[in-house]
Amino acid sequence: EENPVIKPYEQGRWAELPDYGMPMDISLTLIEAVHGRLHTLLSGLSADDLNRTFLHPDSGEVKVGENIGMYAWHGRHHLAHITSLSKRQGW
């Protein structure tokens, strides 16, 4: 699609879903698999692909390449929260 509108989700409500209490190793396996697929897909994008855009209802027009960078930062940000908590709790 050319400049599609994406649908955001309410992340706080995600925790209300029935699968929220599943063992963490299942979620870690899932995210590892998704990231593996994304790496393969995103590594194959051309410069033109990276400059394509989509519309986010809150953020407006976003370039694919910029969104990849934001997603990477977001993942590292969450990891820092987790590792910091782990250190504080002595896990």
Protein backbone atom coordinates (compact mmCIF):
# COMPACT_ATOMS: atom_id res chain seq x y z
CA GLU A 1 0.00 0.00 0.00
CA GLU A 2 1.04 3.57 -0.53
CA ASN A 3 1.14 5.49 2.76
CA PRO A 4 -1.28 3.18 4.64
CA VAL A 5 -2.88 4.17 7.92
CA ILE A 6 -1.83 1.81 10.70
CA LYS A 7 -3.93 0.94 13.70
CA PRO A 8 -2.29 1.57 17.05
CA TYR A 9 -3.11 -0.56 20.06
CA GLU A 10 -3.70 0.23 23.71
CA GLN A 11 -0.66 -1.37 25.31
CA GLY A 12 -2.08 -1.24 28.83
CA ARG A 13 -5.02 -3.36 27.73
CA TRP A 14 -2.62 -5.95 26.31
CA ALA A 15 -1.95 -7.10 29.88
CA GLU A 16 -5.66 -7.85 30.29
CA LEU A 17 -5.64 -10.58 27.64
CA PRO A 18 -6.02 -14.22 28.73
CA ASP A 19 -2.48 -15.15 27.65
CA TYR A 20 -0.82 -12.55 29.88
CA GLY A 21 -0.03 -15.01 32.68
CA MET A 22 1.71 -17.60 30.51
CA PRO A 23 5.29 -18.63 31.35
CA MET A 24 7.85 -16.02 30.30
CA ASP A 25 9.93 -18.51 28.28
CA ILE A 26 7.07 -18.85 25.79
CA SER A 27 7.01 -15.07 25.24
CA LEU A 28 10.80 -14.92 24.94
CA THR A 29 10.79 -17.70 22.34
CA LEU A 30 8.05 -15.90 20.42
CA ILE A 31 9.80 -12.53 20.40
CA GLU A 32 13.10 -14.15 19.40
CA ALA A 33 11.35 -15.78 16.42
CA VAL A 34 9.58 -12.55 15.43
CA HIS A 35 12.83 -10.58 15.66
CA GLY A 36 14.59 -13.20 13.55
CA ARG A 37 11.97 -12.85 10.84
CA LEU A 38 12.01 -9.05 11.06
CA HIS A 39 15.80 -8.98 10.76
CA THR A 40 15.65 -10.99 7.55
CA LEU A 41 12.82 -8.90 6.14
CA LEU A 42 14.22 -5.50 7.10
CA SER A 43 17.77 -6.35 5.98
CA GLY A 44 16.41 -6.85 2.48
CA LEU A 45 14.75 -3.42 2.20
CA SER A 46 16.10 -0.99 -0.38
CA ALA A 47 16.72 2.72 0.21
CA ASP A 48 13.42 3.40 -1.57
CA ASP A 49 11.64 0.96 0.77
CA LEU A 50 13.14 2.69 3.82
CA ASN A 51 11.83 6.05 2.59
CA ARG A 52 8.28 4.80 2.16
CA THR A 53 5.81 6.15 4.67
CA PHE A 54 2.76 5.18 6.66
CA LEU A 55 0.33 7.26 8.68
CA HIS A 56 0.15 6.76 12.41
CA PRO A 57 -2.99 8.30 13.97
CA ASP A 58 -0.93 9.87 16.80
CA SER A 59 2.46 10.49 15.17
CA GLY A 60 1.42 11.47 11.64
CA GLU A 61 3.47 10.44 8.63
CA VAL A 62 6.42 8.17 9.52
CA LYS A 63 9.17 6.82 7.26
CA VAL A 64 9.78 3.08 7.45
CA GLY A 65 13.50 3.60 8.11
CA GLU A 66 12.80 6.01 10.97
CA ASN A 67 10.31 3.59 12.46
CA ILE A 68 12.89 0.79 12.39
CA GLY A 69 15.21 3.02 14.41
CA MET A 70 12.46 3.90 16.90
CA TYR A 71 11.56 0.23 17.30
CA ALA A 72 15.21 -0.70 17.94
CA TRP A 73 15.53 2.08 20.54
CA HIS A 74 12.25 1.00 22.16
CA GLY A 75 13.50 -2.58 22.54
CA ARG A 76 16.80 -1.45 24.10
CA HIS A 77 14.85 0.88 26.41
CA HIS A 78 12.68 -2.00 27.67
CA LEU A 79 15.74 -4.22 28.09
CA ALA A 80 17.40 -1.53 30.22
CA HIS A 81 14.33 -1.44 32.46
CA ILE A 82 14.38 -5.21 32.82
CA THR A 83 18.12 -5.48 33.53
CA SER A 84 17.95 -2.59 36.00
CA LEU A 85 15.08 -4.23 37.87
CA SER A 86 16.91 -7.55 37.80
CA LYS A 87 19.96 -5.99 39.43
CA ARG A 88 17.89 -4.21 42.06
CA GLN A 89 15.99 -7.39 42.90
CA GLY A 90 19.07 -9.63 42.80
CA TRP A 91 17.61 -11.95 40.14
